[in-house]
Amino acid sequence: MQSQNVPNYLPQAILSTIFCCLPFGIVAIVYAAQVNSKLAAGDYEGALSSSKSAKLWTWVSFGSGLAFIILYVILIIIGVSTNQ
């Protein structure tokens, strides 16, 4: 029997939605919400797939939010240095 302990990454998905990138975070939340219902239905492979997708989209949301912040800071630095 396979282990029924499949992480759903819902807290991470919610935090990445709030603080990083809304569109990708919503995708992560949708996949994270599917994990427990698939486990309850006995679909272990489906739950595992949704868990992996939730983790992927959480990281995509975090990475895109981080890239946006870095780009924003670089553009501010360039703007300040050209005005001097």
PDB file of N, CA and C in Angstrom:
ATOM      1  N   MET A   1       0.848  -1.195   0.000  1.00  0.00           N
ATOM      2  CA  MET A   1       0.000   0.000   0.000  1.00  0.00           C
ATOM      3  C   MET A   1       0.879   1.238   0.000  1.00  0.00           C
ATOM      4  N   GLN A   2       0.517   2.203  -0.785  1.00  0.00           N
ATOM      5  CA  GLN A   2       1.291   3.429  -0.865  1.00  0.00           C
ATOM      6  C   GLN A   2       0.967   4.334   0.320  1.00  0.00           C
ATOM      7  N   SER A   3       1.912   5.171   0.664  1.00  0.00           N
ATOM      8  CA  SER A   3       1.715   6.107   1.760  1.00  0.00           C
ATOM      9  C   SER A   3       0.650   7.131   1.397  1.00  0.00           C
ATOM     10  N   GLN A   4      -0.213   7.422   2.359  1.00  0.00           N
ATOM     11  CA  GLN A   4      -1.272   8.399   2.132  1.00  0.00           C
ATOM     12  C   GLN A   4      -0.829   9.810   2.529  1.00  0.00           C
ATOM     13  N   ASN A   5       0.436   9.978   2.838  1.00  0.00           N
ATOM     14  CA  ASN A   5       0.952  11.279   3.249  1.00  0.00           C
ATOM     15  C   ASN A   5       1.474  12.026   2.020  1.00  0.00           C
ATOM     16  N   VAL A   6       0.581  12.746   1.357  1.00  0.00           N
ATOM     17  CA  VAL A   6       0.947  13.517   0.173  1.00  0.00           C
ATOM     18  C   VAL A   6       0.795  14.990   0.536  1.00  0.00           C
ATOM     19  N   PRO A   7       1.866  15.778   0.464  1.00  0.00           N
ATOM     20  CA  PRO A   7       1.749  17.197   0.822  1.00  0.00           C
ATOM     21  C   PRO A   7       0.892  17.943  -0.197  1.00  0.00           C
ATOM     22  N   ASN A   8       0.067  18.890   0.308  1.00  0.00           N
ATOM     23  CA  ASN A   8      -0.780  19.617  -0.628  1.00  0.00           C
ATOM     24  C   ASN A   8      -0.240  21.019  -0.963  1.00  0.00           C
ATOM     25  N   TYR A   9       0.712  21.521  -0.226  1.00  0.00           N
ATOM     26  CA  TYR A   9       1.356  22.815  -0.477  1.00  0.00           C
ATOM     27  C   TYR A   9       0.376  23.985  -0.484  1.00  0.00           C
ATOM     28  N   LEU A  10      -0.766  23.838   0.172  1.00  0.00           N
ATOM     29  CA  LEU A  10      -1.757  24.916   0.172  1.00  0.00           C
ATOM     30  C   LEU A  10      -1.277  26.177   0.893  1.00  0.00           C
ATOM     31  N   PRO A  11      -0.660  26.081   2.074  1.00  0.00           N
ATOM     32  CA  PRO A  11      -0.181  27.320   2.716  1.00  0.00           C
ATOM     33  C   PRO A  11       0.860  28.054   1.862  1.00  0.00           C
ATOM     34  N   GLN A  12       1.775  27.295   1.263  1.00  0.00           N
ATOM     35  CA  GLN A  12       2.788  27.916   0.415  1.00  0.00           C
ATOM     36  C   GLN A  12       2.149  28.550  -0.817  1.00  0.00           C
ATOM     37  N   ALA A  13       1.158  27.901  -1.384  1.00  0.00           N
ATOM     38  CA  ALA A  13       0.480  28.426  -2.568  1.00  0.00           C
ATOM     39  C   ALA A  13      -0.251  29.723  -2.237  1.00  0.00           C
ATOM     40  N   ILE A  14      -0.897  29.766  -1.078  1.00  0.00           N
ATOM     41  CA  ILE A  14      -1.608  30.979  -0.670  1.00  0.00           C
ATOM     42  C   ILE A  14      -0.626  32.117  -0.436  1.00  0.00           C
ATOM     43  N   LEU A  15       0.470  31.840   0.257  1.00  0.00           N
ATOM     44  CA  LEU A  15       1.463  32.891   0.513  1.00  0.00           C
ATOM     45  C   LEU A  15       2.110  33.392  -0.769  1.00  0.00           C
ATOM     46  N   SER A  16       2.405  32.490  -1.692  1.00  0.00           N
ATOM     47  CA  SER A  16       3.008  32.943  -2.952  1.00  0.00           C
ATOM     48  C   SER A  16       2.010  33.748  -3.778  1.00  0.00           C
ATOM     49  N   THR A  17       0.727  33.453  -3.642  1.00  0.00           N
ATOM     50  CA  THR A  17      -0.294  34.230  -4.343  1.00  0.00           C
ATOM     51  C   THR A  17      -0.370  35.640  -3.773  1.00  0.00           C
ATOM     52  N   ILE A  18      -0.355  35.739  -2.460  1.00  0.00           N
ATOM     53  CA  ILE A  18      -0.481  37.047  -1.811  1.00  0.00           C
ATOM     54  C   ILE A  18       0.764  37.900  -2.021  1.00  0.00           C
ATOM     55  N   PHE A  19       1.942  37.318  -1.855  1.00  0.00           N
ATOM     56  CA  PHE A  19       3.163  38.111  -1.822  1.00  0.00           C
ATOM     57  C   PHE A  19       3.963  38.118  -3.115  1.00  0.00           C
ATOM     58  N   CYS A  20       3.686  37.227  -4.046  1.00  0.00           N
ATOM     59  CA  CYS A  20       4.556  37.130  -5.223  1.00  0.00           C
ATOM     60  C   CYS A  20       3.817  37.408  -6.524  1.00  0.00           C
ATOM     61  N   CYS A  21       3.131  36.430  -7.036  1.00  0.00           N
ATOM     62  CA  CYS A  21       2.525  36.572  -8.353  1.00  0.00           C
ATOM     63  C   CYS A  21       1.124  35.982  -8.341  1.00  0.00           C
ATOM     64  N   LEU A  22       0.123  36.838  -8.457  1.00  0.00           N
ATOM     65  CA  LEU A  22      -1.267  36.413  -8.347  1.00  0.00           C
ATOM     66  C   LEU A  22      -1.681  35.352  -9.363  1.00  0.00           C
ATOM     67  N   PRO A  23      -1.447  35.529 -10.664  1.00  0.00           N
ATOM     68  CA  PRO A  23      -1.949  34.512 -11.617  1.00  0.00           C
ATOM     69  C   PRO A  23      -1.354  33.119 -11.406  1.00  0.00           C
ATOM     70  N   PHE A  24      -0.048  33.033 -11.228  1.00  0.00           N
ATOM     71  CA  PHE A  24       0.582  31.728 -11.033  1.00  0.00           C
ATOM     72  C   PHE A  24       0.220  31.145  -9.672  1.00  0.00           C
ATOM     73  N   GLY A  25       0.040  31.998  -8.687  1.00  0.00           N
ATOM     74  CA  GLY A  25      -0.355  31.539  -7.365  1.00  0.00           C
ATOM     75  C   GLY A  25      -1.741  30.926  -7.352  1.00  0.00           C
ATOM     76  N   ILE A  26      -2.650  31.485  -8.156  1.00  0.00           N
ATOM     77  CA  ILE A  26      -3.995  30.924  -8.242  1.00  0.00           C
ATOM     78  C   ILE A  26      -3.953  29.519  -8.835  1.00  0.00           C
ATOM     79  N   VAL A  27      -3.123  29.332  -9.832  1.00  0.00           N
ATOM     80  CA  VAL A  27      -2.960  27.991 -10.415  1.00  0.00           C
ATOM     81  C   VAL A  27      -2.444  27.025  -9.339  1.00  0.00           C
ATOM     82  N   ALA A  28      -1.487  27.478  -8.539  1.00  0.00           N
ATOM     83  CA  ALA A  28      -0.947  26.639  -7.463  1.00  0.00           C
ATOM     84  C   ALA A  28      -2.031  26.295  -6.447  1.00  0.00           C
ATOM     85  N   ILE A  29      -2.892  27.255  -6.110  1.00  0.00           N
ATOM     86  CA  ILE A  29      -3.973  27.000  -5.152  1.00  0.00           C
ATOM     87  C   ILE A  29      -4.949  25.961  -5.702  1.00  0.00           C
ATOM     88  N   VAL A  30      -5.270  26.066  -6.976  1.00  0.00           N
ATOM     89  CA  VAL A  30      -6.203  25.110  -7.586  1.00  0.00           C
ATOM     90  C   VAL A  30      -5.645  23.691  -7.494  1.00  0.00           C
ATOM     91  N   TYR A  31      -4.379  23.514  -7.844  1.00  0.00           N
ATOM     92  CA  TYR A  31      -3.783  22.182  -7.754  1.00  0.00           C
ATOM     93  C   TYR A  31      -3.679  21.712  -6.301  1.00  0.00           C
ATOM     94  N   ALA A  32      -3.320  22.616  -5.393  1.00  0.00           N
ATOM     95  CA  ALA A  32      -3.186  22.246  -3.985  1.00  0.00           C
ATOM     96  C   ALA A  32      -4.528  21.817  -3.404  1.00  0.00           C
ATOM     97  N   ALA A  33      -5.596  22.459  -3.843  1.00  0.00           N
ATOM     98  CA  ALA A  33      -6.927  22.118  -3.334  1.00  0.00           C
ATOM     99  C   ALA A  33      -7.390  20.748  -3.831  1.00  0.00           C
ATOM    100  N   GLN A  34      -6.835  20.267  -4.906  1.00  0.00           N
ATOM    101  CA  GLN A  34      -7.240  18.973  -5.461  1.00  0.00           C
ATOM    102  C   GLN A  34      -6.628  17.775  -4.722  1.00  0.00           C
ATOM    103  N   VAL A  35      -5.547  18.004  -4.009  1.00  0.00           N
ATOM    104  CA  VAL A  35      -4.798  16.888  -3.421  1.00  0.00           C
ATOM    105  C   VAL A  35      -5.637  16.098  -2.425  1.00  0.00           C
ATOM    106  N   ASN A  36      -6.208  16.766  -1.422  1.00  0.00           N
ATOM    107  CA  ASN A  36      -6.948  16.046  -0.376  1.00  0.00           C
ATOM    108  C   ASN A  36      -8.194  15.361  -0.919  1.00  0.00           C
ATOM    109  N   SER A  37      -8.884  16.006  -1.866  1.00  0.00           N
ATOM    110  CA  SER A  37     -10.092  15.371  -2.403  1.00  0.00           C
ATOM    111  C   SER A  37      -9.740  14.129  -3.235  1.00  0.00           C
ATOM    112  N   LYS A  38      -8.624  14.180  -3.933  1.00  0.00           N
ATOM    113  CA  LYS A  38      -8.213  12.998  -4.699  1.00  0.00           C
ATOM    114  C   LYS A  38      -7.789  11.866  -3.767  1.00  0.00           C
ATOM    115  N   LEU A  39      -7.120  12.211  -2.660  1.00  0.00           N
ATOM    116  CA  LEU A  39      -6.764  11.182  -1.678  1.00  0.00           C
ATOM    117  C   LEU A  39      -8.015  10.562  -1.065  1.00  0.00           C
ATOM    118  N   ALA A  40      -8.998  11.397  -0.750  1.00  0.00           N
ATOM    119  CA  ALA A  40     -10.239  10.890  -0.153  1.00  0.00           C
ATOM    120  C   ALA A  40     -10.980   9.975  -1.123  1.00  0.00           C
ATOM    121  N   ALA A  41     -10.844  10.239  -2.424  1.00  0.00           N
ATOM    122  CA  ALA A  41     -11.499   9.398  -3.429  1.00  0.00           C
ATOM    123  C   ALA A  41     -10.689   8.141  -3.739  1.00  0.00           C
ATOM    124  N   GLY A  42      -9.489   8.033  -3.145  1.00  0.00           N
ATOM    125  CA  GLY A  42      -8.660   6.862  -3.375  1.00  0.00           C
ATOM    126  C   GLY A  42      -7.745   6.981  -4.581  1.00  0.00           C
ATOM    127  N   ASP A  43      -7.655   8.155  -5.149  1.00  0.00           N
ATOM    128  CA  ASP A  43      -6.813   8.384  -6.329  1.00  0.00           C
ATOM    129  C   ASP A  43      -5.430   8.867  -5.882  1.00  0.00           C
ATOM    130  N   TYR A  44      -4.592   7.909  -5.465  1.00  0.00           N
ATOM    131  CA  TYR A  44      -3.263   8.266  -4.961  1.00  0.00           C
ATOM    132  C   TYR A  44      -2.398   8.889  -6.044  1.00  0.00           C
ATOM    133  N   GLU A  45      -2.400   8.315  -7.228  1.00  0.00           N
ATOM    134  CA  GLU A  45      -1.573   8.841  -8.325  1.00  0.00           C
ATOM    135  C   GLU A  45      -2.023  10.248  -8.729  1.00  0.00           C
ATOM    136  N   GLY A  46      -3.326  10.469  -8.772  1.00  0.00           N
ATOM    137  CA  GLY A  46      -3.845  11.800  -9.088  1.00  0.00           C
ATOM    138  C   GLY A  46      -3.469  12.821  -8.028  1.00  0.00           C
ATOM    139  N   ALA A  47      -3.526  12.398  -6.755  1.00  0.00           N
ATOM    140  CA  ALA A  47      -3.136  13.284  -5.651  1.00  0.00           C
ATOM    141  C   ALA A  47      -1.656  13.619  -5.733  1.00  0.00           C
ATOM    142  N   LEU A  48      -0.848  12.625  -6.059  1.00  0.00           N
ATOM    143  CA  LEU A  48       0.587  12.854  -6.197  1.00  0.00           C
ATOM    144  C   LEU A  48       0.874  13.799  -7.350  1.00  0.00           C
ATOM    145  N   SER A  49       0.170  13.640  -8.451  1.00  0.00           N
ATOM    146  CA  SER A  49       0.342  14.524  -9.603  1.00  0.00           C
ATOM    147  C   SER A  49      -0.075  15.956  -9.271  1.00  0.00           C
ATOM    148  N   SER A  50      -1.202  16.109  -8.593  1.00  0.00           N
ATOM    149  CA  SER A  50      -1.657  17.448  -8.201  1.00  0.00           C
ATOM    150  C   SER A  50      -0.692  18.089  -7.212  1.00  0.00           C
ATOM    151  N   SER A  51      -0.128  17.284  -6.324  1.00  0.00           N
ATOM    152  CA  SER A  51       0.845  17.788  -5.361  1.00  0.00           C
ATOM    153  C   SER A  51       2.094  18.318  -6.064  1.00  0.00           C
ATOM    154  N   LYS A  52       2.582  17.549  -7.030  1.00  0.00           N
ATOM    155  CA  LYS A  52       3.762  17.995  -7.779  1.00  0.00           C
ATOM    156  C   LYS A  52       3.467  19.259  -8.576  1.00  0.00           C
ATOM    157  N   SER A  53       2.284  19.339  -9.161  1.00  0.00           N
ATOM    158  CA  SER A  53       1.902  20.539  -9.915  1.00  0.00           C
ATOM    159  C   SER A  53       1.766  21.746  -8.995  1.00  0.00           C
ATOM    160  N   ALA A  54       1.192  21.538  -7.809  1.00  0.00           N
ATOM    161  CA  ALA A  54       1.058  22.634  -6.840  1.00  0.00           C
ATOM    162  C   ALA A  54       2.429  23.153  -6.427  1.00  0.00           C
ATOM    163  N   LYS A  55       3.349  22.231  -6.186  1.00  0.00           N
ATOM    164  CA  LYS A  55       4.707  22.629  -5.804  1.00  0.00           C
ATOM    165  C   LYS A  55       5.379  23.404  -6.935  1.00  0.00           C
ATOM    166  N   LEU A  56       5.249  22.916  -8.160  1.00  0.00           N
ATOM    167  CA  LEU A  56       5.839  23.587  -9.312  1.00  0.00           C
ATOM    168  C   LEU A  56       5.300  25.005  -9.472  1.00  0.00           C
ATOM    169  N   TRP A  57       3.972  25.154  -9.449  1.00  0.00           N
ATOM    170  CA  TRP A  57       3.377  26.475  -9.658  1.00  0.00           C
ATOM    171  C   TRP A  57       3.624  27.414  -8.486  1.00  0.00           C
ATOM    172  N   THR A  58       3.800  26.863  -7.285  1.00  0.00           N
ATOM    173  CA  THR A  58       4.181  27.709  -6.148  1.00  0.00           C
ATOM    174  C   THR A  58       5.567  28.299  -6.375  1.00  0.00           C
ATOM    175  N   TRP A  59       6.494  27.472  -6.841  1.00  0.00           N
ATOM    176  CA  TRP A  59       7.841  27.959  -7.125  1.00  0.00           C
ATOM    177  C   TRP A  59       7.866  28.915  -8.318  1.00  0.00           C
ATOM    178  N   VAL A  60       7.041  28.655  -9.325  1.00  0.00           N
ATOM    179  CA  VAL A  60       6.955  29.569 -10.473  1.00  0.00           C
ATOM    180  C   VAL A  60       6.442  30.921 -10.002  1.00  0.00           C
ATOM    181  N   SER A  61       5.432  30.927  -9.149  1.00  0.00           N
ATOM    182  CA  SER A  61       4.892  32.171  -8.607  1.00  0.00           C
ATOM    183  C   SER A  61       5.949  32.917  -7.795  1.00  0.00           C
ATOM    184  N   PHE A  62       6.650  32.186  -6.941  1.00  0.00           N
ATOM    185  CA  PHE A  62       7.700  32.806  -6.127  1.00  0.00           C
ATOM    186  C   PHE A  62       8.816  33.368  -7.005  1.00  0.00           C
ATOM    187  N   GLY A  63       9.260  32.585  -7.972  1.00  0.00           N
ATOM    188  CA  GLY A  63      10.350  33.020  -8.851  1.00  0.00           C
ATOM    189  C   GLY A  63       9.974  34.219  -9.694  1.00  0.00           C
ATOM    190  N   SER A  64       8.756  34.248 -10.227  1.00  0.00           N
ATOM    191  CA  SER A  64       8.353  35.395 -11.042  1.00  0.00           C
ATOM    192  C   SER A  64       8.184  36.644 -10.186  1.00  0.00           C
ATOM    193  N   GLY A  65       7.689  36.480  -8.975  1.00  0.00           N
ATOM    194  CA  GLY A  65       7.591  37.628  -8.065  1.00  0.00           C
ATOM    195  C   GLY A  65       8.964  38.164  -7.697  1.00  0.00           C
ATOM    196  N   LEU A  66       9.890  37.262  -7.433  1.00  0.00           N
ATOM    197  CA  LEU A  66      11.257  37.667  -7.108  1.00  0.00           C
ATOM    198  C   LEU A  66      11.927  38.346  -8.295  1.00  0.00           C
ATOM    199  N   ALA A  67      11.727  37.806  -9.493  1.00  0.00           N
ATOM    200  CA  ALA A  67      12.307  38.415 -10.700  1.00  0.00           C
ATOM    201  C   ALA A  67      11.744  39.818 -10.916  1.00  0.00           C
ATOM    202  N   PHE A  68      10.447  39.999 -10.678  1.00  0.00           N
ATOM    203  CA  PHE A  68       9.835  41.313 -10.826  1.00  0.00           C
ATOM    204  C   PHE A  68      10.439  42.313  -9.842  1.00  0.00           C
ATOM    205  N   ILE A  69      10.629  41.902  -8.600  1.00  0.00           N
ATOM    206  CA  ILE A  69      11.212  42.794  -7.592  1.00  0.00           C
ATOM    207  C   ILE A  69      12.638  43.166  -7.966  1.00  0.00           C
ATOM    208  N   ILE A  70      13.427  42.198  -8.411  1.00  0.00           N
ATOM    209  CA  ILE A  70      14.813  42.471  -8.810  1.00  0.00           C
ATOM    210  C   ILE A  70      14.849  43.423 -10.000  1.00  0.00           C
ATOM    211  N   LEU A  71      14.011  43.182 -10.988  1.00  0.00           N
ATOM    212  CA  LEU A  71      13.946  44.069 -12.152  1.00  0.00           C
ATOM    213  C   LEU A  71      13.518  45.474 -11.746  1.00  0.00           C
ATOM    214  N   TYR A  72      12.572  45.584 -10.859  1.00  0.00           N
ATOM    215  CA  TYR A  72      12.097  46.883 -10.372  1.00  0.00           C
ATOM    216  C   TYR A  72      13.225  47.651  -9.683  1.00  0.00           C
ATOM    217  N   VAL A  73      13.980  46.977  -8.826  1.00  0.00           N
ATOM    218  CA  VAL A  73      15.097  47.620  -8.127  1.00  0.00           C
ATOM    219  C   VAL A  73      16.168  48.058  -9.124  1.00  0.00           C
ATOM    220  N   ILE A  74      16.471  47.224 -10.097  1.00  0.00           N
ATOM    221  CA  ILE A  74      17.471  47.583 -11.120  1.00  0.00           C
ATOM    222  C   ILE A  74      17.022  48.814 -11.894  1.00  0.00           C
ATOM    223  N   LEU A  75      15.757  48.857 -12.284  1.00  0.00           N
ATOM    224  CA  LEU A  75      15.247  50.015 -13.027  1.00  0.00           C
ATOM    225  C   LEU A  75      15.265  51.278 -12.179  1.00  0.00           C
ATOM    226  N   ILE A  76      14.991  51.172 -10.903  1.00  0.00           N
ATOM    227  CA  ILE A  76      15.070  52.338 -10.014  1.00  0.00           C
ATOM    228  C   ILE A  76      16.508  52.827  -9.909  1.00  0.00           C
ATOM    229  N   ILE A  77      17.446  51.910  -9.762  1.00  0.00           N
ATOM    230  CA  ILE A  77      18.860  52.287  -9.678  1.00  0.00           C
ATOM    231  C   ILE A  77      19.310  52.967 -10.965  1.00  0.00           C
ATOM    232  N   ILE A  78      18.904  52.431 -12.101  1.00  0.00           N
ATOM    233  CA  ILE A  78      19.261  53.047 -13.395  1.00  0.00           C
ATOM    234  C   ILE A  78      18.636  54.430 -13.509  1.00  0.00           C
ATOM    235  N   GLY A  79      17.366  54.553 -13.092  1.00  0.00           N
ATOM    236  CA  GLY A  79      16.695  55.851 -13.148  1.00  0.00           C
ATOM    237  C   GLY A  79      17.341  56.892 -12.270  1.00  0.00           C
ATOM    238  N   VAL A  80      17.747  56.494 -11.070  1.00  0.00           N
ATOM    239  CA  VAL A  80      18.394  57.426 -10.152  1.00  0.00           C
ATOM    240  C   VAL A  80      19.770  57.817 -10.683  1.00  0.00           C
ATOM    241  N   SER A  81      20.507  56.875 -11.240  1.00  0.00           N
ATOM    242  CA  SER A  81      21.851  57.188 -11.717  1.00  0.00           C
ATOM    243  C   SER A  81      21.835  58.052 -12.976  1.00  0.00           C
ATOM    244  N   THR A  82      20.793  57.976 -13.791  1.00  0.00           N
ATOM    245  CA  THR A  82      20.737  58.825 -14.991  1.00  0.00           C
ATOM    246  C   THR A  82      20.274  60.242 -14.692  1.00  0.00           C
ATOM    247  N   ASN A  83      19.636  60.457 -13.550  1.00  0.00           N
ATOM    248  CA  ASN A  83      19.180  61.798 -13.181  1.00  0.00           C
ATOM    249  C   ASN A  83      20.267  62.602 -12.497  1.00  0.00           C
ATOM    250  N   GLN A  84      21.399  62.028 -12.232  1.00  0.00           N
ATOM    251  CA  GLN A  84      22.454  62.761 -11.528  1.00  0.00           C
ATOM    252  C   GLN A  84      23.414  63.396 -12.463  1.00  0.00           C
TER     253      GLN A  84
END
